Amino acid sequence: SPAGRQSRQLHERIQRLDVVDRAIVLLWLENMPYD
């Protein structure tokens, strides 16, 4: 699906981040507040 392909592209980019940055961006994508 188009959403699945977009998800895969996002996955590939996020995979390049270090583990802490990956965690931060995933939590941010879930609309969690900074605190």
PDB file of all heavy atoms in Angstrom:
ATOM      1  N   SER A   1       0.840  -1.192   0.000  1.00  0.00           N
ATOM      2  CA  SER A   1       0.000   0.000   0.000  1.00  0.00           C
ATOM      3  C   SER A   1       0.881   1.251   0.000  1.00  0.00           C
ATOM      4  O   SER A   1       2.040   1.204   0.405  1.00  0.00           O
ATOM      5  CB  SER A   1      -0.898   0.014   1.240  1.00  0.00           C
ATOM      6  OG  SER A   1      -0.119   0.261   2.389  1.00  0.00           O
ATOM      7  N   PRO A   2       0.339   2.390  -0.452  1.00  0.00           N
ATOM      8  CA  PRO A   2       1.123   3.633  -0.405  1.00  0.00           C
ATOM      9  C   PRO A   2       1.577   3.976   1.024  1.00  0.00           C
ATOM     10  O   PRO A   2       2.713   4.383   1.234  1.00  0.00           O
ATOM     11  CB  PRO A   2       0.152   4.683  -0.942  1.00  0.00           C
ATOM     12  CG  PRO A   2      -0.822   3.924  -1.782  1.00  0.00           C
ATOM     13  CD  PRO A   2      -0.953   2.578  -1.119  1.00  0.00           C
ATOM     14  N   ALA A   3       0.695   3.785   1.993  1.00  0.00           N
ATOM     15  CA  ALA A   3       1.063   4.074   3.388  1.00  0.00           C
ATOM     16  C   ALA A   3       2.169   3.128   3.847  1.00  0.00           C
ATOM     17  O   ALA A   3       3.064   3.529   4.583  1.00  0.00           O
ATOM     18  CB  ALA A   3      -0.156   3.941   4.292  1.00  0.00           C
ATOM     19  N   GLY A   4       2.121   1.888   3.411  1.00  0.00           N
ATOM     20  CA  GLY A   4       3.151   0.912   3.769  1.00  0.00           C
ATOM     21  C   GLY A   4       4.498   1.265   3.166  1.00  0.00           C
ATOM     22  O   GLY A   4       5.534   1.143   3.826  1.00  0.00           O
ATOM     23  N   ARG A   5       4.483   1.735   1.920  1.00  0.00           N
ATOM     24  CA  ARG A   5       5.749   2.152   1.277  1.00  0.00           C
ATOM     25  C   ARG A   5       6.324   3.377   1.981  1.00  0.00           C
ATOM     26  O   ARG A   5       7.524   3.473   2.219  1.00  0.00           O
ATOM     27  CB  ARG A   5       5.520   2.430  -0.208  1.00  0.00           C
ATOM     28  CG  ARG A   5       5.393   1.162  -1.034  1.00  0.00           C
ATOM     29  CD  ARG A   5       5.386   1.451  -2.527  1.00  0.00           C
ATOM     30  NE  ARG A   5       4.229   2.217  -2.965  1.00  0.00           N
ATOM     31  CZ  ARG A   5       3.032   1.696  -3.240  1.00  0.00           C
ATOM     32  NH1 ARG A   5       2.823   0.416  -3.094  1.00  0.00           N
ATOM     33  NH2 ARG A   5       2.046   2.457  -3.650  1.00  0.00           N
ATOM     34  N   GLN A   6       5.444   4.308   2.342  1.00  0.00           N
ATOM     35  CA  GLN A   6       5.877   5.503   3.061  1.00  0.00           C
ATOM     36  C   GLN A   6       6.438   5.116   4.433  1.00  0.00           C
ATOM     37  O   GLN A   6       7.463   5.648   4.862  1.00  0.00           O
ATOM     38  CB  GLN A   6       4.706   6.466   3.205  1.00  0.00           C
ATOM     39  CG  GLN A   6       5.084   7.825   3.709  1.00  0.00           C
ATOM     40  CD  GLN A   6       3.888   8.765   3.700  1.00  0.00           C
ATOM     41  OE1 GLN A   6       2.749   8.357   3.904  1.00  0.00           O
ATOM     42  NE2 GLN A   6       4.157  10.030   3.444  1.00  0.00           N
ATOM     43  N   SER A   7       5.793   4.169   5.073  1.00  0.00           N
ATOM     44  CA  SER A   7       6.269   3.680   6.364  1.00  0.00           C
ATOM     45  C   SER A   7       7.650   3.041   6.213  1.00  0.00           C
ATOM     46  O   SER A   7       8.531   3.237   7.048  1.00  0.00           O
ATOM     47  CB  SER A   7       5.271   2.668   6.929  1.00  0.00           C
ATOM     48  OG  SER A   7       5.738   2.124   8.123  1.00  0.00           O
ATOM     49  N   ARG A   8       7.861   2.300   5.157  1.00  0.00           N
ATOM     50  CA  ARG A   8       9.156   1.659   4.906  1.00  0.00           C
ATOM     51  C   ARG A   8      10.245   2.708   4.687  1.00  0.00           C
ATOM     52  O   ARG A   8      11.362   2.573   5.186  1.00  0.00           O
ATOM     53  CB  ARG A   8       9.053   0.718   3.701  1.00  0.00           C
ATOM     54  CG  ARG A   8      10.318  -0.005   3.387  1.00  0.00           C
ATOM     55  CD  ARG A   8      10.583  -1.051   4.452  1.00  0.00           C
ATOM     56  NE  ARG A   8      11.933  -1.538   4.303  1.00  0.00           N
ATOM     57  CZ  ARG A   8      12.609  -2.121   5.257  1.00  0.00           C
ATOM     58  NH1 ARG A   8      12.079  -2.309   6.426  1.00  0.00           N
ATOM     59  NH2 ARG A   8      13.823  -2.523   5.063  1.00  0.00           N
ATOM     60  N   GLN A   9       9.940   3.760   3.925  1.00  0.00           N
ATOM     61  CA  GLN A   9      10.921   4.827   3.702  1.00  0.00           C
ATOM     62  C   GLN A   9      11.289   5.512   5.006  1.00  0.00           C
ATOM     63  O   GLN A   9      12.465   5.784   5.276  1.00  0.00           O
ATOM     64  CB  GLN A   9      10.371   5.858   2.708  1.00  0.00           C
ATOM     65  CG  GLN A   9      10.295   5.358   1.291  1.00  0.00           C
ATOM     66  CD  GLN A   9       9.582   6.348   0.373  1.00  0.00           C
ATOM     67  OE1 GLN A   9       8.851   7.230   0.815  1.00  0.00           O
ATOM     68  NE2 GLN A   9       9.788   6.187  -0.924  1.00  0.00           N
ATOM     69  N   LEU A  10      10.280   5.789   5.834  1.00  0.00           N
ATOM     70  CA  LEU A  10      10.525   6.398   7.133  1.00  0.00           C
ATOM     71  C   LEU A  10      11.384   5.464   7.991  1.00  0.00           C
ATOM     72  O   LEU A  10      12.336   5.893   8.643  1.00  0.00           O
ATOM     73  CB  LEU A  10       9.201   6.715   7.832  1.00  0.00           C
ATOM     74  CG  LEU A  10       9.301   7.375   9.202  1.00  0.00           C
ATOM     75  CD1 LEU A  10      10.008   8.724   9.099  1.00  0.00           C
ATOM     76  CD2 LEU A  10       7.915   7.539   9.805  1.00  0.00           C
ATOM     77  N   HIS A  11      11.060   4.182   7.956  1.00  0.00           N
ATOM     78  CA  HIS A  11      11.828   3.179   8.704  1.00  0.00           C
ATOM     79  C   HIS A  11      13.292   3.205   8.292  1.00  0.00           C
ATOM     80  O   HIS A  11      14.189   3.212   9.139  1.00  0.00           O
ATOM     81  CB  HIS A  11      11.230   1.790   8.452  1.00  0.00           C
ATOM     82  CG  HIS A  11      11.994   0.679   9.072  1.00  0.00           C
ATOM     83  ND1 HIS A  11      12.871  -0.098   8.338  1.00  0.00           N
ATOM     84  CD2 HIS A  11      12.023   0.204  10.333  1.00  0.00           C
ATOM     85  CE1 HIS A  11      13.407  -0.998   9.143  1.00  0.00           C
ATOM     86  NE2 HIS A  11      12.907  -0.845  10.357  1.00  0.00           N
ATOM     87  N   GLU A  12      13.558   3.252   6.987  1.00  0.00           N
ATOM     88  CA  GLU A  12      14.946   3.252   6.497  1.00  0.00           C
ATOM     89  C   GLU A  12      15.698   4.487   6.980  1.00  0.00           C
ATOM     90  O   GLU A  12      16.859   4.397   7.366  1.00  0.00           O
ATOM     91  CB  GLU A  12      14.959   3.174   4.976  1.00  0.00           C
ATOM     92  CG  GLU A  12      14.537   1.816   4.451  1.00  0.00           C
ATOM     93  CD  GLU A  12      14.291   1.795   2.952  1.00  0.00           C
ATOM     94  OE1 GLU A  12      14.387   2.863   2.289  1.00  0.00           O
ATOM     95  OE2 GLU A  12      13.981   0.703   2.447  1.00  0.00           O
ATOM     96  N   ARG A  13      15.038   5.635   6.992  1.00  0.00           N
ATOM     97  CA  ARG A  13      15.703   6.862   7.455  1.00  0.00           C
ATOM     98  C   ARG A  13      15.938   6.838   8.955  1.00  0.00           C
ATOM     99  O   ARG A  13      17.005   7.221   9.432  1.00  0.00           O
ATOM    100  CB  ARG A  13      14.883   8.081   7.058  1.00  0.00           C
ATOM    101  CG  ARG A  13      14.927   8.314   5.561  1.00  0.00           C
ATOM    102  CD  ARG A  13      14.240   9.589   5.161  1.00  0.00           C
ATOM    103  NE  ARG A  13      14.214   9.660   3.721  1.00  0.00           N
ATOM    104  CZ  ARG A  13      13.102   9.773   3.002  1.00  0.00           C
ATOM    105  NH1 ARG A  13      11.940   9.852   3.595  1.00  0.00           N
ATOM    106  NH2 ARG A  13      13.155   9.814   1.698  1.00  0.00           N
ATOM    107  N   ILE A  14      14.930   6.395   9.693  1.00  0.00           N
ATOM    108  CA  ILE A  14      15.065   6.354  11.149  1.00  0.00           C
ATOM    109  C   ILE A  14      16.109   5.334  11.565  1.00  0.00           C
ATOM    110  O   ILE A  14      16.818   5.538  12.552  1.00  0.00           O
ATOM    111  CB  ILE A  14      13.691   6.104  11.813  1.00  0.00           C
ATOM    112  CG1 ILE A  14      12.803   7.349  11.619  1.00  0.00           C
ATOM    113  CG2 ILE A  14      13.832   5.768  13.289  1.00  0.00           C
ATOM    114  CD1 ILE A  14      11.388   7.198  12.105  1.00  0.00           C
ATOM    115  N   GLN A  15      16.256   4.254  10.819  1.00  0.00           N
ATOM    116  CA  GLN A  15      17.267   3.234  11.119  1.00  0.00           C
ATOM    117  C   GLN A  15      18.680   3.818  11.115  1.00  0.00           C
ATOM    118  O   GLN A  15      19.562   3.298  11.782  1.00  0.00           O
ATOM    119  CB  GLN A  15      17.204   2.082  10.101  1.00  0.00           C
ATOM    120  CG  GLN A  15      16.087   1.110  10.339  1.00  0.00           C
ATOM    121  CD  GLN A  15      16.340   0.243  11.548  1.00  0.00           C
ATOM    122  OE1 GLN A  15      17.448  -0.159  11.827  1.00  0.00           O
ATOM    123  NE2 GLN A  15      15.287  -0.021  12.290  1.00  0.00           N
ATOM    124  N   ARG A  16      18.890   4.886  10.389  1.00  0.00           N
ATOM    125  CA  ARG A  16      20.224   5.506  10.308  1.00  0.00           C
ATOM    126  C   ARG A  16      20.570   6.324  11.554  1.00  0.00           C
ATOM    127  O   ARG A  16      21.723   6.688  11.747  1.00  0.00           O
ATOM    128  CB  ARG A  16      20.310   6.403   9.074  1.00  0.00           C
ATOM    129  CG  ARG A  16      20.184   5.632   7.781  1.00  0.00           C
ATOM    130  CD  ARG A  16      20.295   6.555   6.584  1.00  0.00           C
ATOM    131  NE  ARG A  16      19.863   5.861   5.384  1.00  0.00           N
ATOM    132  CZ  ARG A  16      19.112   6.393   4.442  1.00  0.00           C
ATOM    133  NH1 ARG A  16      18.719   7.643   4.532  1.00  0.00           N
ATOM    134  NH2 ARG A  16      18.753   5.687   3.386  1.00  0.00           N
ATOM    135  N   LEU A  17      19.561   6.618  12.379  1.00  0.00           N
ATOM    136  CA  LEU A  17      19.796   7.393  13.599  1.00  0.00           C
ATOM    137  C   LEU A  17      20.371   6.493  14.685  1.00  0.00           C
ATOM    138  O   LEU A  17      20.158   5.283  14.681  1.00  0.00           O
ATOM    139  CB  LEU A  17      18.479   8.000  14.094  1.00  0.00           C
ATOM    140  CG  LEU A  17      17.757   8.965  13.153  1.00  0.00           C
ATOM    141  CD1 LEU A  17      16.387   9.319  13.727  1.00  0.00           C
ATOM    142  CD2 LEU A  17      18.587  10.219  12.927  1.00  0.00           C
ATOM    143  N   ASP A  18      21.069   7.108  15.665  1.00  0.00           N
ATOM    144  CA  ASP A  18      21.531   6.302  16.793  1.00  0.00           C
ATOM    145  C   ASP A  18      20.331   5.921  17.649  1.00  0.00           C
ATOM    146  O   ASP A  18      19.239   6.466  17.493  1.00  0.00           O
ATOM    147  CB  ASP A  18      22.618   7.017  17.608  1.00  0.00           C
ATOM    148  CG  ASP A  18      22.114   8.251  18.340  1.00  0.00           C
ATOM    149  OD1 ASP A  18      21.103   8.140  19.068  1.00  0.00           O
ATOM    150  OD2 ASP A  18      22.728   9.317  18.197  1.00  0.00           O
ATOM    151  N   VAL A  19      20.504   4.980  18.560  1.00  0.00           N
ATOM    152  CA  VAL A  19      19.368   4.410  19.292  1.00  0.00           C
ATOM    153  C   VAL A  19      18.609   5.432  20.128  1.00  0.00           C
ATOM    154  O   VAL A  19      17.386   5.362  20.221  1.00  0.00           O
ATOM    155  CB  VAL A  19      19.782   3.196  20.153  1.00  0.00           C
ATOM    156  CG1 VAL A  19      20.188   2.032  19.293  1.00  0.00           C
ATOM    157  CG2 VAL A  19      20.854   3.540  21.139  1.00  0.00           C
ATOM    158  N   VAL A  20      19.287   6.381  20.725  1.00  0.00           N
ATOM    159  CA  VAL A  20      18.594   7.386  21.538  1.00  0.00           C
ATOM    160  C   VAL A  20      17.792   8.332  20.650  1.00  0.00           C
ATOM    161  O   VAL A  20      16.621   8.615  20.926  1.00  0.00           O
ATOM    162  CB  VAL A  20      19.589   8.171  22.429  1.00  0.00           C
ATOM    163  CG1 VAL A  20      18.888   9.285  23.183  1.00  0.00           C
ATOM    164  CG2 VAL A  20      20.287   7.230  23.401  1.00  0.00           C
ATOM    165  N   ASP A  21      18.397   8.813  19.557  1.00  0.00           N
ATOM    166  CA  ASP A  21      17.671   9.692  18.636  1.00  0.00           C
ATOM    167  C   ASP A  21      16.469   8.965  18.027  1.00  0.00           C
ATOM    168  O   ASP A  21      15.413   9.550  17.832  1.00  0.00           O
ATOM    169  CB  ASP A  21      18.591  10.194  17.524  1.00  0.00           C
ATOM    170  CG  ASP A  21      19.557  11.256  18.001  1.00  0.00           C
ATOM    171  OD1 ASP A  21      19.429  11.717  19.154  1.00  0.00           O
ATOM    172  OD2 ASP A  21      20.466  11.631  17.227  1.00  0.00           O
ATOM    173  N   ARG A  22      16.634   7.684  17.747  1.00  0.00           N
ATOM    174  CA  ARG A  22      15.541   6.877  17.214  1.00  0.00           C
ATOM    175  C   ARG A  22      14.385   6.834  18.220  1.00  0.00           C
ATOM    176  O   ARG A  22      13.223   7.011  17.852  1.00  0.00           O
ATOM    177  CB  ARG A  22      16.052   5.459  16.945  1.00  0.00           C
ATOM    178  CG  ARG A  22      15.256   4.720  15.922  1.00  0.00           C
ATOM    179  CD  ARG A  22      15.826   3.355  15.639  1.00  0.00           C
ATOM    180  NE  ARG A  22      17.230   3.389  15.282  1.00  0.00           N
ATOM    181  CZ  ARG A  22      17.994   2.319  15.197  1.00  0.00           C
ATOM    182  NH1 ARG A  22      17.503   1.130  15.426  1.00  0.00           N
ATOM    183  NH2 ARG A  22      19.265   2.423  14.861  1.00  0.00           N
ATOM    184  N   ALA A  23      14.701   6.632  19.476  1.00  0.00           N
ATOM    185  CA  ALA A  23      13.665   6.597  20.511  1.00  0.00           C
ATOM    186  C   ALA A  23      12.949   7.943  20.604  1.00  0.00           C
ATOM    187  O   ALA A  23      11.715   8.000  20.672  1.00  0.00           O
ATOM    188  CB  ALA A  23      14.286   6.235  21.858  1.00  0.00           C
ATOM    189  N   ILE A  24      13.722   9.018  20.583  1.00  0.00           N
ATOM    190  CA  ILE A  24      13.141  10.356  20.693  1.00  0.00           C
ATOM    191  C   ILE A  24      12.188  10.630  19.534  1.00  0.00           C
ATOM    192  O   ILE A  24      11.068  11.092  19.734  1.00  0.00           O
ATOM    193  CB  ILE A  24      14.246  11.429  20.771  1.00  0.00           C
ATOM    194  CG1 ILE A  24      14.994  11.307  22.101  1.00  0.00           C
ATOM    195  CG2 ILE A  24      13.668  12.832  20.604  1.00  0.00           C
ATOM    196  CD1 ILE A  24      16.270  12.131  22.180  1.00  0.00           C
ATOM    197  N   VAL A  25      12.608  10.340  18.316  1.00  0.00           N
ATOM    198  CA  VAL A  25      11.761  10.635  17.161  1.00  0.00           C
ATOM    199  C   VAL A  25      10.514   9.747  17.159  1.00  0.00           C
ATOM    200  O   VAL A  25       9.424  10.208  16.802  1.00  0.00           O
ATOM    201  CB  VAL A  25      12.538  10.556  15.825  1.00  0.00           C
ATOM    202  CG1 VAL A  25      12.745   9.134  15.353  1.00  0.00           C
ATOM    203  CG2 VAL A  25      11.829  11.356  14.744  1.00  0.00           C
ATOM    204  N   LEU A  26      10.630   8.512  17.587  1.00  0.00           N
ATOM    205  CA  LEU A  26       9.453   7.642  17.644  1.00  0.00           C
ATOM    206  C   LEU A  26       8.427   8.158  18.658  1.00  0.00           C
ATOM    207  O   LEU A  26       7.231   8.173  18.377  1.00  0.00           O
ATOM    208  CB  LEU A  26       9.856   6.213  18.007  1.00  0.00           C
ATOM    209  CG  LEU A  26      10.579   5.448  16.917  1.00  0.00           C
ATOM    210  CD1 LEU A  26      11.085   4.112  17.443  1.00  0.00           C
ATOM    211  CD2 LEU A  26       9.674   5.242  15.718  1.00  0.00           C
ATOM    212  N   LEU A  27       8.899   8.590  19.800  1.00  0.00           N
ATOM    213  CA  LEU A  27       7.996   9.126  20.813  1.00  0.00           C
ATOM    214  C   LEU A  27       7.365  10.431  20.329  1.00  0.00           C
ATOM    215  O   LEU A  27       6.180  10.677  20.542  1.00  0.00           O
ATOM    216  CB  LEU A  27       8.747   9.329  22.127  1.00  0.00           C
ATOM    217  CG  LEU A  27       9.264   8.032  22.769  1.00  0.00           C
ATOM    218  CD1 LEU A  27      10.254   8.347  23.879  1.00  0.00           C
ATOM    219  CD2 LEU A  27       8.122   7.188  23.279  1.00  0.00           C
ATOM    220  N   TRP A  28       8.158  11.250  19.649  1.00  0.00           N
ATOM    221  CA  TRP A  28       7.643  12.509  19.098  1.00  0.00           C
ATOM    222  C   TRP A  28       6.581  12.231  18.032  1.00  0.00           C
ATOM    223  O   TRP A  28       5.547  12.907  17.974  1.00  0.00           O
ATOM    224  CB  TRP A  28       8.807  13.319  18.537  1.00  0.00           C
ATOM    225  CG  TRP A  28       8.380  14.566  17.847  1.00  0.00           C
ATOM    226  CD1 TRP A  28       7.977  15.734  18.416  1.00  0.00           C
ATOM    227  CD2 TRP A  28       8.317  14.772  16.432  1.00  0.00           C
ATOM    228  NE1 TRP A  28       7.664  16.659  17.447  1.00  0.00           N
ATOM    229  CE2 TRP A  28       7.865  16.094  16.215  1.00  0.00           C
ATOM    230  CE3 TRP A  28       8.600  13.978  15.334  1.00  0.00           C
ATOM    231  CZ2 TRP A  28       7.682  16.618  14.951  1.00  0.00           C
ATOM    232  CZ3 TRP A  28       8.430  14.507  14.068  1.00  0.00           C
ATOM    233  CH2 TRP A  28       7.970  15.818  13.891  1.00  0.00           C
ATOM    234  N   LEU A  29       6.819  11.220  17.189  1.00  0.00           N
ATOM    235  CA  LEU A  29       5.839  10.862  16.156  1.00  0.00           C
ATOM    236  C   LEU A  29       4.516  10.390  16.766  1.00  0.00           C
ATOM    237  O   LEU A  29       3.479  10.464  16.116  1.00  0.00           O
ATOM    238  CB  LEU A  29       6.402   9.778  15.229  1.00  0.00           C
ATOM    239  CG  LEU A  29       7.464  10.252  14.240  1.00  0.00           C
ATOM    240  CD1 LEU A  29       8.130   9.063  13.558  1.00  0.00           C
ATOM    241  CD2 LEU A  29       6.872  11.208  13.210  1.00  0.00           C
ATOM    242  N   GLU A  30       4.565   9.917  18.003  1.00  0.00           N
ATOM    243  CA  GLU A  30       3.352   9.507  18.712  1.00  0.00           C
ATOM    244  C   GLU A  30       2.715  10.676  19.461  1.00  0.00           C
ATOM    245  O   GLU A  30       1.838  10.473  20.299  1.00  0.00           O
ATOM    246  CB  GLU A  30       3.672   8.379  19.691  1.00  0.00           C
ATOM    247  CG  GLU A  30       4.008   7.069  19.023  1.00  0.00           C
ATOM    248  CD  GLU A  30       2.791   6.403  18.376  1.00  0.00           C
ATOM    249  OE1 GLU A  30       1.664   6.568  18.882  1.00  0.00           O
ATOM    250  OE2 GLU A  30       2.988   5.730  17.359  1.00  0.00           O
ATOM    251  N   ASN A  31       3.198  11.900  19.186  1.00  0.00           N
ATOM    252  CA  ASN A  31       2.663  13.129  19.786  1.00  0.00           C
ATOM    253  C   ASN A  31       2.813  13.180  21.299  1.00  0.00           C
ATOM    254  O   ASN A  31       1.975  13.771  21.985  1.00  0.00           O
ATOM    255  CB  ASN A  31       1.194  13.345  19.387  1.00  0.00           C
ATOM    256  CG  ASN A  31       1.038  13.574  17.919  1.00  0.00           C
ATOM    257  OD1 ASN A  31       1.805  14.307  17.302  1.00  0.00           O
ATOM    258  ND2 ASN A  31       0.052  12.919  17.320  1.00  0.00           N
ATOM    259  N   MET A  32       3.865  12.579  21.805  1.00  0.00           N
ATOM    260  CA  MET A  32       4.126  12.665  23.243  1.00  0.00           C
ATOM    261  C   MET A  32       4.729  14.025  23.557  1.00  0.00           C
ATOM    262  O   MET A  32       5.545  14.527  22.793  1.00  0.00           O
ATOM    263  CB  MET A  32       5.114  11.582  23.667  1.00  0.00           C
ATOM    264  CG  MET A  32       4.452  10.362  24.151  1.00  0.00           C
ATOM    265  SD  MET A  32       5.601   9.418  25.124  1.00  0.00           S
ATOM    266  CE  MET A  32       4.644   7.950  25.242  1.00  0.00           C
ATOM    267  N   PRO A  33       4.352  14.610  24.685  1.00  0.00           N
ATOM    268  CA  PRO A  33       4.952  15.879  25.076  1.00  0.00           C
ATOM    269  C   PRO A  33       6.434  15.707  25.434  1.00  0.00           C
ATOM    270  O   PRO A  33       6.856  14.624  25.850  1.00  0.00           O
ATOM    271  CB  PRO A  33       4.140  16.308  26.303  1.00  0.00           C
ATOM    272  CG  PRO A  33       3.296  15.165  26.687  1.00  0.00           C
ATOM    273  CD  PRO A  33       3.309  14.163  25.590  1.00  0.00           C
ATOM    274  N   TYR A  34       7.185  16.755  25.281  1.00  0.00           N
ATOM    275  CA  TYR A  34       8.633  16.703  25.512  1.00  0.00           C
ATOM    276  C   TYR A  34       8.990  16.216  26.907  1.00  0.00           C
ATOM    277  O   TYR A  34       9.949  15.480  27.081  1.00  0.00           O
ATOM    278  CB  TYR A  34       9.267  18.070  25.273  1.00  0.00           C
ATOM    279  CG  TYR A  34       9.333  18.506  23.824  1.00  0.00           C
ATOM    280  CD1 TYR A  34       8.723  17.797  22.804  1.00  0.00           C
ATOM    281  CD2 TYR A  34      10.021  19.648  23.479  1.00  0.00           C
ATOM    282  CE1 TYR A  34       8.790  18.214  21.487  1.00  0.00           C
ATOM    283  CE2 TYR A  34      10.102  20.081  22.157  1.00  0.00           C
ATOM    284  CZ  TYR A  34       9.482  19.357  21.169  1.00  0.00           C
ATOM    285  OH  TYR A  34       9.567  19.768  19.871  1.00  0.00           O
ATOM    286  N   ASP A  35       8.197  16.626  27.917  1.00  0.00           N
ATOM    287  CA  ASP A  35       8.525  16.195  29.279  1.00  0.00           C
ATOM    288  C   ASP A  35       8.352  14.684  29.451  1.00  0.00           C
ATOM    289  O   ASP A  35       9.140  14.041  30.141  1.00  0.00           O
ATOM    290  CB  ASP A  35       7.724  16.972  30.324  1.00  0.00           C
ATOM    291  CG  ASP A  35       6.224  16.858  30.150  1.00  0.00           C
ATOM    292  OD1 ASP A  35       5.747  16.673  29.012  1.00  0.00           O
ATOM    293  OD2 ASP A  35       5.511  16.971  31.161  1.00  0.00           O
TER     294      ASP A  35
END
